[in-house]
Amino acid sequence: MTVFTVRHVTRYHYRRPVRFGEHRVMFRPRDSADQRLIHAGLRVTPAPIAVRWIHDVFGNCVTLVDVGRPAAELRFESLIRLEHTPQGGPEVETDAGALSFPFAYGADEAADLAPTMAMQYPDDTVRRWARRFLRSGRPTETGRLLMTLCFAIHESFAYARRSEHGTQPPAVTLARRRGTCRDFALLMIEALRSLGFAARFVSGYVYVPDRDDPGVLGGGSTHAWAQVYLPGAGWVEFDPTNGIVGNRDLIRVAVARTPGQAGSPANTDSPSSAPVVTLTATLMPAKSSASPAKVPLSGVA
């Protein structure tokens, strides 16, 4: 078990003061058996006139922030600390009936999973690409299928940061063979949905042991990956950007059916005022210990 500390700063710079609408901020990690939240704090500048918290339809914790006065800069700084336990790697346990593909979800599960099984971007190019990973004329080992597809994106596509909000359609990512972590996550999700899997989008952070390490991509900012639902195992993490299976080095903040539901740009009352956005996120292990209370905390109240 490792205790991670994440400091995240997002700044929106405008050429002139603008009035802000209500902001929806997702920064509080999802509590689970593999990650336990110890502390979460948020500082907003200018100071908000109202802050409240809700849980959205996916169970994500959303902070609603109302900034009361116009400003030329809006700054969000969050500091979180949590215990993280790696689990769910390549040897993940699934029900016997789901060890080979194709398989069917149970009726009760299928009813709730249906929205995450429907493609957001129906496209024959993506369908054909996904079927390349199936064995012809016989069942395909489910674990092998998922890992092969994940590793194919990791090994065959070029990672490229893009500051613009949003994701490329999966067919565009396939054609260009390059994209961001969110593009790769969406491609894997849509490919799996085309085969009949339930899959969803995850937003959070990835720990990069060495900021100069070219082997881990997506650090220094928010990160995106996919989850696939497997009977007997539940939602299993797949990070096609880094070829990670399971939650190793991944911190979940939000899950959603589509990327757009996991975050949005700053909201203003002046649509013509496009901001310059800068974002930095620093994730580091505070201490590997069973006594996280001894880990010092500073920065955000």
C-alpha atoms as a PDB file:
ATOM      1  CA  MET A   1       0.000   0.000   0.000  1.00  0.00           C
ATOM      2  CA  THR A   2       1.241   3.455  -0.975  1.00  0.00           C
ATOM      3  CA  VAL A   3       0.030   6.843   0.192  1.00  0.00           C
ATOM      4  CA  PHE A   4      -0.168   9.254  -2.754  1.00  0.00           C
ATOM      5  CA  THR A   5      -0.429  13.040  -2.638  1.00  0.00           C
ATOM      6  CA  VAL A   6      -1.814  14.860  -5.675  1.00  0.00           C
ATOM      7  CA  ARG A   7      -1.623  18.634  -6.141  1.00  0.00           C
ATOM      8  CA  HIS A   8      -3.568  19.922  -9.131  1.00  0.00           C
ATOM      9  CA  VAL A   9      -3.683  23.548 -10.295  1.00  0.00           C
ATOM     10  CA  THR A  10      -5.813  24.802 -13.182  1.00  0.00           C
ATOM     11  CA  ARG A  11      -5.737  28.458 -14.282  1.00  0.00           C
ATOM     12  CA  TYR A  12      -8.038  30.181 -16.762  1.00  0.00           C
ATOM     13  CA  HIS A  13      -6.638  33.460 -18.145  1.00  0.00           C
ATOM     14  CA  TYR A  14      -8.893  35.953 -19.977  1.00  0.00           C
ATOM     15  CA  ARG A  15      -7.968  39.121 -21.844  1.00  0.00           C
ATOM     16  CA  ARG A  16     -10.463  41.065 -19.771  1.00  0.00           C
ATOM     17  CA  PRO A  17     -12.606  40.395 -16.693  1.00  0.00           C
ATOM     18  CA  VAL A  18     -15.578  38.120 -17.351  1.00  0.00           C
ATOM     19  CA  ARG A  19     -18.535  36.965 -15.281  1.00  0.00           C
ATOM     20  CA  PHE A  20     -18.539  33.278 -14.388  1.00  0.00           C
ATOM     21  CA  GLY A  21     -21.375  30.822 -14.290  1.00  0.00           C
ATOM     22  CA  GLU A  22     -21.545  27.857 -11.925  1.00  0.00           C
ATOM     23  CA  HIS A  23     -18.614  25.455 -12.243  1.00  0.00           C
ATOM     24  CA  ARG A  24     -18.728  21.693 -11.826  1.00  0.00           C
ATOM     25  CA  VAL A  25     -15.416  20.492 -10.421  1.00  0.00           C
ATOM     26  CA  MET A  26     -14.440  16.835 -10.116  1.00  0.00           C
ATOM     27  CA  PHE A  27     -11.343  16.433  -7.969  1.00  0.00           C
ATOM     28  CA  ARG A  28     -12.327  14.075  -5.135  1.00  0.00           C
ATOM     29  CA  PRO A  29     -11.206  10.467  -5.886  1.00  0.00           C
ATOM     30  CA  ARG A  30     -13.730   7.653  -5.728  1.00  0.00           C
ATOM     31  CA  ASP A  31     -13.430   5.706  -2.480  1.00  0.00           C
ATOM     32  CA  SER A  32     -13.063   1.960  -3.001  1.00  0.00           C
ATOM     33  CA  ALA A  33     -11.289  -1.107  -1.653  1.00  0.00           C
ATOM     34  CA  ASP A  34      -8.191  -0.235  -3.687  1.00  0.00           C
ATOM     35  CA  GLN A  35      -8.084   3.502  -2.936  1.00  0.00           C
ATOM     36  CA  ARG A  36      -9.117   5.155   0.331  1.00  0.00           C
ATOM     37  CA  LEU A  37      -9.351   8.918   0.533  1.00  0.00           C
ATOM     38  CA  ILE A  38      -7.559  10.496   3.494  1.00  0.00           C
ATOM     39  CA  HIS A  39      -7.896  14.199   2.659  1.00  0.00           C
ATOM     40  CA  ALA A  40      -9.349  16.380  -0.075  1.00  0.00           C
ATOM     41  CA  GLY A  41      -9.169  20.175  -0.168  1.00  0.00           C
ATOM     42  CA  LEU A  42      -9.993  22.817  -2.755  1.00  0.00           C
ATOM     43  CA  ARG A  43      -9.000  26.494  -2.984  1.00  0.00           C
ATOM     44  CA  VAL A  44     -10.642  28.776  -5.549  1.00  0.00           C
ATOM     45  CA  THR A  45      -9.482  32.272  -6.541  1.00  0.00           C
ATOM     46  CA  PRO A  46     -11.416  34.583  -6.634  1.00  0.00           C
ATOM     47  CA  ALA A  47     -13.127  33.295  -3.499  1.00  0.00           C
ATOM     48  CA  PRO A  48     -16.525  31.754  -4.343  1.00  0.00           C
ATOM     49  CA  ILE A  49     -19.766  33.009  -2.835  1.00  0.00           C
ATOM     50  CA  ALA A  50     -21.181  29.471  -2.613  1.00  0.00           C
ATOM     51  CA  VAL A  51     -19.818  25.917  -2.695  1.00  0.00           C
ATOM     52  CA  ARG A  52     -21.865  22.728  -2.501  1.00  0.00           C
ATOM     53  CA  TRP A  53     -21.343  19.041  -3.223  1.00  0.00           C
ATOM     54  CA  ILE A  54     -23.473  16.492  -5.027  1.00  0.00           C
ATOM     55  CA  HIS A  55     -23.122  12.970  -6.440  1.00  0.00           C
ATOM     56  CA  ASP A  56     -23.905  12.686 -10.143  1.00  0.00           C
ATOM     57  CA  VAL A  57     -25.707   9.835 -11.879  1.00  0.00           C
ATOM     58  CA  PHE A  58     -22.464   7.793 -11.923  1.00  0.00           C
ATOM     59  CA  GLY A  59     -21.747   8.262  -8.217  1.00  0.00           C
ATOM     60  CA  ASN A  60     -18.933  10.770  -8.812  1.00  0.00           C
ATOM     61  CA  CYS A  61     -18.490  13.506  -6.230  1.00  0.00           C
ATOM     62  CA  VAL A  62     -19.044  16.873  -7.945  1.00  0.00           C
ATOM     63  CA  THR A  63     -18.237  20.216  -6.329  1.00  0.00           C
ATOM     64  CA  LEU A  64     -20.456  23.068  -7.538  1.00  0.00           C
ATOM     65  CA  VAL A  65     -18.667  26.411  -7.296  1.00  0.00           C
ATOM     66  CA  ASP A  66     -20.321  29.808  -7.763  1.00  0.00           C
ATOM     67  CA  VAL A  67     -17.793  32.604  -8.278  1.00  0.00           C
ATOM     68  CA  GLY A  68     -19.500  35.850  -7.386  1.00  0.00           C
ATOM     69  CA  ARG A  69     -17.468  38.574  -9.089  1.00  0.00           C
ATOM     70  CA  PRO A  70     -15.910  39.154 -12.520  1.00  0.00           C
ATOM     71  CA  ALA A  71     -12.206  38.445 -12.929  1.00  0.00           C
ATOM     72  CA  ALA A  72      -9.563  38.075 -15.613  1.00  0.00           C
ATOM     73  CA  GLU A  73      -8.163  34.918 -14.012  1.00  0.00           C
ATOM     74  CA  LEU A  74      -9.832  31.959 -12.363  1.00  0.00           C
ATOM     75  CA  ARG A  75      -7.709  29.496 -10.391  1.00  0.00           C
ATOM     76  CA  PHE A  76      -8.554  26.108  -8.905  1.00  0.00           C
ATOM     77  CA  GLU A  77      -6.051  24.356  -6.645  1.00  0.00           C
ATOM     78  CA  SER A  78      -6.826  20.959  -5.167  1.00  0.00           C
ATOM     79  CA  LEU A  79      -4.805  18.773  -2.848  1.00  0.00           C
ATOM     80  CA  ILE A  80      -5.740  15.169  -2.196  1.00  0.00           C
ATOM     81  CA  ARG A  81      -4.100  12.374  -0.256  1.00  0.00           C
ATOM     82  CA  LEU A  82      -5.118   8.737  -0.445  1.00  0.00           C
ATOM     83  CA  GLU A  83      -4.056   5.153   0.204  1.00  0.00           C
ATOM     84  CA  HIS A  84      -3.600   3.134  -2.985  1.00  0.00           C
ATOM     85  CA  THR A  85      -3.431  -0.649  -3.253  1.00  0.00           C
ATOM     86  CA  PRO A  86      -2.598  -2.190  -6.658  1.00  0.00           C
ATOM     87  CA  GLN A  87      -4.980  -4.942  -7.728  1.00  0.00           C
ATOM     88  CA  GLY A  88      -6.789  -6.437 -10.709  1.00  0.00           C
ATOM     89  CA  GLY A  89      -3.831  -7.191 -12.978  1.00  0.00           C
ATOM     90  CA  PRO A  90      -3.677  -9.701 -15.834  1.00  0.00           C
ATOM     91  CA  GLU A  91      -4.711 -12.540 -13.476  1.00  0.00           C
ATOM     92  CA  VAL A  92      -8.085 -10.966 -12.642  1.00  0.00           C
ATOM     93  CA  GLU A  93     -10.692 -13.568 -11.635  1.00  0.00           C
ATOM     94  CA  THR A  94     -13.873 -13.772 -13.700  1.00  0.00           C
ATOM     95  CA  ASP A  95     -16.853 -16.118 -13.750  1.00  0.00           C
ATOM     96  CA  ALA A  96     -16.207 -19.342 -15.637  1.00  0.00           C
ATOM     97  CA  GLY A  97     -18.823 -18.416 -18.237  1.00  0.00           C
ATOM     98  CA  ALA A  98     -16.970 -15.231 -19.118  1.00  0.00           C
ATOM     99  CA  LEU A  99     -13.512 -16.739 -19.601  1.00  0.00           C
ATOM    100  CA  SER A 100     -14.144 -17.099 -23.339  1.00  0.00           C
ATOM    101  CA  PHE A 101     -15.665 -14.598 -25.734  1.00  0.00           C
ATOM    102  CA  PRO A 102     -18.416 -14.305 -26.824  1.00  0.00           C
ATOM    103  CA  PHE A 103     -20.333 -14.465 -23.570  1.00  0.00           C
ATOM    104  CA  ALA A 104     -23.565 -12.878 -22.369  1.00  0.00           C
ATOM    105  CA  TYR A 105     -24.127 -10.711 -19.324  1.00  0.00           C
ATOM    106  CA  GLY A 106     -26.806 -11.889 -16.921  1.00  0.00           C
ATOM    107  CA  ALA A 107     -30.255 -10.367 -17.438  1.00  0.00           C
ATOM    108  CA  ASP A 108     -30.111  -8.227 -14.283  1.00  0.00           C
ATOM    109  CA  GLU A 109     -26.633  -6.884 -15.055  1.00  0.00           C
ATOM    110  CA  ALA A 110     -27.382  -6.379 -18.745  1.00  0.00           C
ATOM    111  CA  ALA A 111     -30.285  -4.048 -17.969  1.00  0.00           C
ATOM    112  CA  ASP A 112     -28.034  -1.719 -15.981  1.00  0.00           C
ATOM    113  CA  LEU A 113     -25.021  -2.096 -18.285  1.00  0.00           C
ATOM    114  CA  ALA A 114     -26.968  -1.407 -21.492  1.00  0.00           C
ATOM    115  CA  PRO A 115     -26.044   2.319 -21.758  1.00  0.00           C
ATOM    116  CA  THR A 116     -22.329   1.441 -21.488  1.00  0.00           C
ATOM    117  CA  MET A 117     -22.688  -1.197 -24.220  1.00  0.00           C
ATOM    118  CA  ALA A 118     -24.092   1.191 -26.851  1.00  0.00           C
ATOM    119  CA  MET A 119     -21.542   2.823 -29.153  1.00  0.00           C
ATOM    120  CA  GLN A 120     -21.287   6.599 -28.965  1.00  0.00           C
ATOM    121  CA  TYR A 121     -19.716   6.747 -32.453  1.00  0.00           C
ATOM    122  CA  PRO A 122     -21.148   3.844 -34.521  1.00  0.00           C
ATOM    123  CA  ASP A 123     -18.593   3.228 -37.240  1.00  0.00           C
ATOM    124  CA  ASP A 124     -17.832   0.193 -39.411  1.00  0.00           C
ATOM    125  CA  THR A 125     -14.125   1.070 -39.465  1.00  0.00           C
ATOM    126  CA  VAL A 126     -13.941   0.662 -35.692  1.00  0.00           C
ATOM    127  CA  ARG A 127     -16.016  -2.526 -35.826  1.00  0.00           C
ATOM    128  CA  ARG A 128     -13.730  -4.096 -38.427  1.00  0.00           C
ATOM    129  CA  TRP A 129     -10.622  -3.101 -36.483  1.00  0.00           C
ATOM    130  CA  ALA A 130     -11.998  -4.602 -33.263  1.00  0.00           C
ATOM    131  CA  ARG A 131     -12.862  -7.912 -34.934  1.00  0.00           C
ATOM    132  CA  ARG A 132      -9.218  -8.348 -35.961  1.00  0.00           C
ATOM    133  CA  PHE A 133      -8.518  -9.391 -32.370  1.00  0.00           C
ATOM    134  CA  LEU A 134     -10.991 -12.304 -32.463  1.00  0.00           C
ATOM    135  CA  ARG A 135      -9.994 -15.855 -33.327  1.00  0.00           C
ATOM    136  CA  SER A 136     -11.630 -17.060 -36.515  1.00  0.00           C
ATOM    137  CA  GLY A 137     -14.160 -19.838 -36.151  1.00  0.00           C
ATOM    138  CA  ARG A 138     -13.662 -20.453 -32.420  1.00  0.00           C
ATOM    139  CA  PRO A 139     -14.068 -18.693 -29.082  1.00  0.00           C
ATOM    140  CA  THR A 140     -11.434 -16.172 -28.016  1.00  0.00           C
ATOM    141  CA  GLU A 141      -9.989 -16.112 -24.517  1.00  0.00           C
ATOM    142  CA  THR A 142     -11.528 -12.993 -22.946  1.00  0.00           C
ATOM    143  CA  GLY A 143      -8.424 -11.908 -21.059  1.00  0.00           C
ATOM    144  CA  ARG A 144      -6.241 -12.370 -24.111  1.00  0.00           C
ATOM    145  CA  LEU A 145      -8.660 -10.345 -26.249  1.00  0.00           C
ATOM    146  CA  LEU A 146      -8.776  -7.416 -23.832  1.00  0.00           C
ATOM    147  CA  MET A 147      -5.043  -7.290 -23.199  1.00  0.00           C
ATOM    148  CA  THR A 148      -4.157  -7.683 -26.886  1.00  0.00           C
ATOM    149  CA  LEU A 149      -6.446  -4.835 -27.877  1.00  0.00           C
ATOM    150  CA  CYS A 150      -5.103  -2.639 -25.069  1.00  0.00           C
ATOM    151  CA  PHE A 151      -1.473  -3.373 -25.952  1.00  0.00           C
ATOM    152  CA  ALA A 152      -2.143  -2.872 -29.676  1.00  0.00           C
ATOM    153  CA  ILE A 153      -3.108   0.751 -29.033  1.00  0.00           C
ATOM    154  CA  HIS A 154      -0.163   1.226 -26.686  1.00  0.00           C
ATOM    155  CA  GLU A 155       2.374  -0.186 -29.147  1.00  0.00           C
ATOM    156  CA  SER A 156       0.975   0.944 -32.512  1.00  0.00           C
ATOM    157  CA  PHE A 157      -0.268   4.479 -31.850  1.00  0.00           C
ATOM    158  CA  ALA A 158       1.741   7.623 -31.126  1.00  0.00           C
ATOM    159  CA  TYR A 159       0.894   9.644 -28.032  1.00  0.00           C
ATOM    160  CA  ALA A 160       0.558  13.396 -28.619  1.00  0.00           C
ATOM    161  CA  ARG A 161      -0.651  15.987 -26.111  1.00  0.00           C
ATOM    162  CA  ARG A 162      -3.439  18.264 -27.284  1.00  0.00           C
ATOM    163  CA  SER A 163      -4.525  21.325 -25.310  1.00  0.00           C
ATOM    164  CA  GLU A 164      -7.973  21.602 -26.897  1.00  0.00           C
ATOM    165  CA  HIS A 165     -10.882  20.163 -24.953  1.00  0.00           C
ATOM    166  CA  GLY A 166     -12.738  17.143 -26.247  1.00  0.00           C
ATOM    167  CA  THR A 167     -11.843  13.884 -27.942  1.00  0.00           C
ATOM    168  CA  GLN A 168     -11.289  12.766 -31.512  1.00  0.00           C
ATOM    169  CA  PRO A 169     -13.856  10.395 -33.006  1.00  0.00           C
ATOM    170  CA  PRO A 170     -12.366   6.876 -32.789  1.00  0.00           C
ATOM    171  CA  ALA A 171     -12.269   6.546 -36.588  1.00  0.00           C
ATOM    172  CA  VAL A 172     -10.054   9.653 -36.734  1.00  0.00           C
ATOM    173  CA  THR A 173      -7.711   8.192 -34.121  1.00  0.00           C
ATOM    174  CA  LEU A 174      -7.522   4.986 -36.161  1.00  0.00           C
ATOM    175  CA  ALA A 175      -6.726   6.884 -39.344  1.00  0.00           C
ATOM    176  CA  ARG A 176      -4.112   9.159 -37.770  1.00  0.00           C
ATOM    177  CA  ARG A 177      -2.581   6.482 -35.502  1.00  0.00           C
ATOM    178  CA  ARG A 178      -1.966   9.190 -32.910  1.00  0.00           C
ATOM    179  CA  GLY A 179      -3.866  10.943 -30.154  1.00  0.00           C
ATOM    180  CA  THR A 180      -4.119  11.825 -26.489  1.00  0.00           C
ATOM    181  CA  CYS A 181      -4.862   9.499 -23.589  1.00  0.00           C
ATOM    182  CA  ARG A 182      -8.549  10.390 -23.820  1.00  0.00           C
ATOM    183  CA  ASP A 183      -8.550   9.585 -27.557  1.00  0.00           C
ATOM    184  CA  PHE A 184      -6.992   6.173 -26.894  1.00  0.00           C
ATOM    185  CA  ALA A 185      -9.407   5.465 -24.043  1.00  0.00           C
ATOM    186  CA  LEU A 186     -12.386   6.311 -26.246  1.00  0.00           C
ATOM    187  CA  LEU A 187     -11.063   4.164 -29.094  1.00  0.00           C
ATOM    188  CA  MET A 188     -10.713   1.157 -26.804  1.00  0.00           C
ATOM    189  CA  ILE A 189     -14.143   1.753 -25.274  1.00  0.00           C
ATOM    190  CA  GLU A 190     -15.874   2.015 -28.646  1.00  0.00           C
ATOM    191  CA  ALA A 191     -14.012  -1.003 -30.048  1.00  0.00           C
ATOM    192  CA  LEU A 192     -15.099  -3.122 -27.087  1.00  0.00           C
ATOM    193  CA  ARG A 193     -18.664  -1.853 -27.237  1.00  0.00           C
ATOM    194  CA  SER A 194     -18.786  -2.859 -30.889  1.00  0.00           C
ATOM    195  CA  LEU A 195     -18.046  -6.415 -29.749  1.00  0.00           C
ATOM    196  CA  GLY A 196     -20.706  -6.367 -27.032  1.00  0.00           C
ATOM    197  CA  PHE A 197     -18.682  -5.462 -23.937  1.00  0.00           C
ATOM    198  CA  ALA A 198     -19.792  -2.936 -21.345  1.00  0.00           C
ATOM    199  CA  ALA A 199     -17.091  -0.257 -21.142  1.00  0.00           C
ATOM    200  CA  ARG A 200     -16.833   3.218 -19.662  1.00  0.00           C
ATOM    201  CA  PHE A 201     -14.511   6.222 -19.508  1.00  0.00           C
ATOM    202  CA  VAL A 202     -12.319   6.977 -16.473  1.00  0.00           C
ATOM    203  CA  SER A 203     -10.669  10.271 -15.601  1.00  0.00           C
ATOM    204  CA  GLY A 204      -8.000  10.628 -12.944  1.00  0.00           C
ATOM    205  CA  TYR A 205      -4.230  10.603 -12.576  1.00  0.00           C
ATOM    206  CA  VAL A 206      -1.320   8.323 -13.419  1.00  0.00           C
ATOM    207  CA  TYR A 207       1.792   8.149 -11.265  1.00  0.00           C
ATOM    208  CA  VAL A 208       5.011   8.673 -13.229  1.00  0.00           C
ATOM    209  CA  PRO A 209       7.977   7.525 -11.077  1.00  0.00           C
ATOM    210  CA  ASP A 210      10.371   9.654 -13.128  1.00  0.00           C
ATOM    211  CA  ARG A 211       9.097  12.741 -14.959  1.00  0.00           C
ATOM    212  CA  ASP A 212      11.785  12.049 -17.578  1.00  0.00           C
ATOM    213  CA  ASP A 213      10.693   8.418 -17.991  1.00  0.00           C
ATOM    214  CA  PRO A 214       9.405   8.015 -21.576  1.00  0.00           C
ATOM    215  CA  GLY A 215       7.777   4.702 -20.636  1.00  0.00           C
ATOM    216  CA  VAL A 216       4.876   6.277 -18.731  1.00  0.00           C
ATOM    217  CA  LEU A 217       2.705   8.772 -20.607  1.00  0.00           C
ATOM    218  CA  GLY A 218      -0.009  11.148 -19.467  1.00  0.00           C
ATOM    219  CA  GLY A 219       1.655  12.472 -16.305  1.00  0.00           C
ATOM    220  CA  GLY A 220       1.713  16.098 -15.218  1.00  0.00           C
ATOM    221  CA  SER A 221      -1.970  16.517 -16.038  1.00  0.00           C
ATOM    222  CA  THR A 222      -5.190  14.602 -15.721  1.00  0.00           C
ATOM    223  CA  HIS A 223      -5.181  11.166 -17.331  1.00  0.00           C
ATOM    224  CA  ALA A 224      -7.834   9.009 -18.985  1.00  0.00           C
ATOM    225  CA  TRP A 225      -8.312   5.279 -19.449  1.00  0.00           C
ATOM    226  CA  ALA A 226     -11.053   2.652 -19.804  1.00  0.00           C
ATOM    227  CA  GLN A 227     -12.914   0.255 -17.562  1.00  0.00           C
ATOM    228  CA  VAL A 228     -14.487  -2.967 -18.834  1.00  0.00           C
ATOM    229  CA  TYR A 229     -17.157  -4.873 -16.928  1.00  0.00           C
ATOM    230  CA  LEU A 230     -16.427  -8.594 -16.514  1.00  0.00           C
ATOM    231  CA  PRO A 231     -18.816 -10.935 -14.670  1.00  0.00           C
ATOM    232  CA  GLY A 232     -17.241 -12.022 -11.407  1.00  0.00           C
ATOM    233  CA  ALA A 233     -14.554  -9.310 -11.569  1.00  0.00           C
ATOM    234  CA  GLY A 234     -16.614  -6.146 -11.934  1.00  0.00           C
ATOM    235  CA  TRP A 235     -15.097  -3.047 -13.539  1.00  0.00           C
ATOM    236  CA  VAL A 236     -11.500  -3.723 -14.564  1.00  0.00           C
ATOM    237  CA  GLU A 237      -9.007  -0.990 -15.494  1.00  0.00           C
ATOM    238  CA  PHE A 238      -7.296  -0.877 -18.918  1.00  0.00           C
ATOM    239  CA  ASP A 239      -4.962   2.004 -19.784  1.00  0.00           C
ATOM    240  CA  PRO A 240      -4.181   1.749 -23.515  1.00  0.00           C
ATOM    241  CA  THR A 241      -1.872   4.781 -23.385  1.00  0.00           C
ATOM    242  CA  ASN A 242       0.569   2.971 -21.094  1.00  0.00           C
ATOM    243  CA  GLY A 243      -0.426  -0.660 -21.607  1.00  0.00           C
ATOM    244  CA  ILE A 244      -1.536  -1.006 -17.969  1.00  0.00           C
ATOM    245  CA  VAL A 245      -4.000  -3.726 -16.949  1.00  0.00           C
ATOM    246  CA  GLY A 246      -5.432  -3.215 -13.474  1.00  0.00           C
ATOM    247  CA  ASN A 247      -5.135  -0.139 -11.292  1.00  0.00           C
ATOM    248  CA  ARG A 248      -1.341   0.000 -10.935  1.00  0.00           C
ATOM    249  CA  ASP A 249      -0.293   3.682 -10.697  1.00  0.00           C
ATOM    250  CA  LEU A 250      -3.834   4.820 -11.596  1.00  0.00           C
ATOM    251  CA  ILE A 251      -6.009   7.010  -9.355  1.00  0.00           C
ATOM    252  CA  ARG A 252      -9.694   7.157 -10.288  1.00  0.00           C
ATOM    253  CA  VAL A 253     -11.515  10.455  -9.851  1.00  0.00           C
ATOM    254  CA  ALA A 254     -14.550  10.052 -12.119  1.00  0.00           C
ATOM    255  CA  VAL A 255     -16.204   7.418 -14.290  1.00  0.00           C
ATOM    256  CA  ALA A 256     -18.698   8.145 -17.041  1.00  0.00           C
ATOM    257  CA  ARG A 257     -20.426   6.693 -20.071  1.00  0.00           C
ATOM    258  CA  THR A 258     -18.872   9.348 -22.344  1.00  0.00           C
ATOM    259  CA  PRO A 259     -15.742  11.519 -22.014  1.00  0.00           C
ATOM    260  CA  GLY A 260     -17.791  14.722 -21.947  1.00  0.00           C
ATOM    261  CA  GLN A 261     -19.557  13.586 -18.778  1.00  0.00           C
ATOM    262  CA  ALA A 262     -16.262  13.292 -16.893  1.00  0.00           C
ATOM    263  CA  GLY A 263     -15.332  16.974 -17.058  1.00  0.00           C
ATOM    264  CA  SER A 264     -15.957  20.262 -18.811  1.00  0.00           C
ATOM    265  CA  PRO A 265     -14.121  23.536 -19.473  1.00  0.00           C
ATOM    266  CA  ALA A 266     -14.629  26.670 -17.422  1.00  0.00           C
ATOM    267  CA  ASN A 267     -18.106  28.160 -17.690  1.00  0.00           C
ATOM    268  CA  THR A 268     -18.473  31.907 -18.258  1.00  0.00           C
ATOM    269  CA  ASP A 269     -21.293  34.274 -19.109  1.00  0.00           C
ATOM    270  CA  SER A 270     -19.227  35.614 -22.003  1.00  0.00           C
ATOM    271  CA  PRO A 271     -19.062  32.943 -24.759  1.00  0.00           C
ATOM    272  CA  SER A 272     -16.789  35.103 -26.923  1.00  0.00           C
ATOM    273  CA  SER A 273     -14.098  35.236 -24.215  1.00  0.00           C
ATOM    274  CA  ALA A 274     -11.956  32.205 -24.904  1.00  0.00           C
ATOM    275  CA  PRO A 275      -9.565  31.538 -22.000  1.00  0.00           C
ATOM    276  CA  VAL A 276      -5.944  30.490 -22.072  1.00  0.00           C
ATOM    277  CA  VAL A 277      -5.855  27.399 -19.895  1.00  0.00           C
ATOM    278  CA  THR A 278      -2.837  26.105 -17.993  1.00  0.00           C
ATOM    279  CA  LEU A 279      -2.985  22.908 -15.978  1.00  0.00           C
ATOM    280  CA  THR A 280      -0.397  21.172 -13.822  1.00  0.00           C
ATOM    281  CA  ALA A 281      -0.799  18.072 -11.715  1.00  0.00           C
ATOM    282  CA  THR A 282       1.860  16.617  -9.440  1.00  0.00           C
ATOM    283  CA  LEU A 283       1.399  13.100  -8.089  1.00  0.00           C
ATOM    284  CA  MET A 284       3.939  11.617  -5.714  1.00  0.00           C
ATOM    285  CA  PRO A 285       4.076   8.836  -3.130  1.00  0.00           C
ATOM    286  CA  ALA A 286       3.995  10.434   0.305  1.00  0.00           C
ATOM    287  CA  LYS A 287       4.967   7.292   2.169  1.00  0.00           C
ATOM    288  CA  SER A 288       4.561   3.536   1.979  1.00  0.00           C
ATOM    289  CA  SER A 289       3.232   2.848   5.433  1.00  0.00           C
ATOM    290  CA  ALA A 290       0.325   1.508   7.403  1.00  0.00           C
ATOM    291  CA  SER A 291       0.252   4.803   9.337  1.00  0.00           C
ATOM    292  CA  PRO A 292      -0.803   7.467   6.818  1.00  0.00           C
ATOM    293  CA  ALA A 293      -1.611   9.929   9.594  1.00  0.00           C
ATOM    294  CA  LYS A 294       2.124  10.552   9.960  1.00  0.00           C
ATOM    295  CA  VAL A 295       2.362  11.837   6.399  1.00  0.00           C
ATOM    296  CA  PRO A 296       2.644  15.641   6.423  1.00  0.00           C
ATOM    297  CA  LEU A 297       0.012  17.647   4.585  1.00  0.00           C
ATOM    298  CA  SER A 298       0.308  21.226   3.394  1.00  0.00           C
ATOM    299  CA  GLY A 299      -1.032  23.590   0.762  1.00  0.00           C
ATOM    300  CA  VAL A 300      -4.820  23.627   0.669  1.00  0.00           C
ATOM    301  CA  ALA A 301      -7.293  24.149   3.459  1.00  0.00           C
END
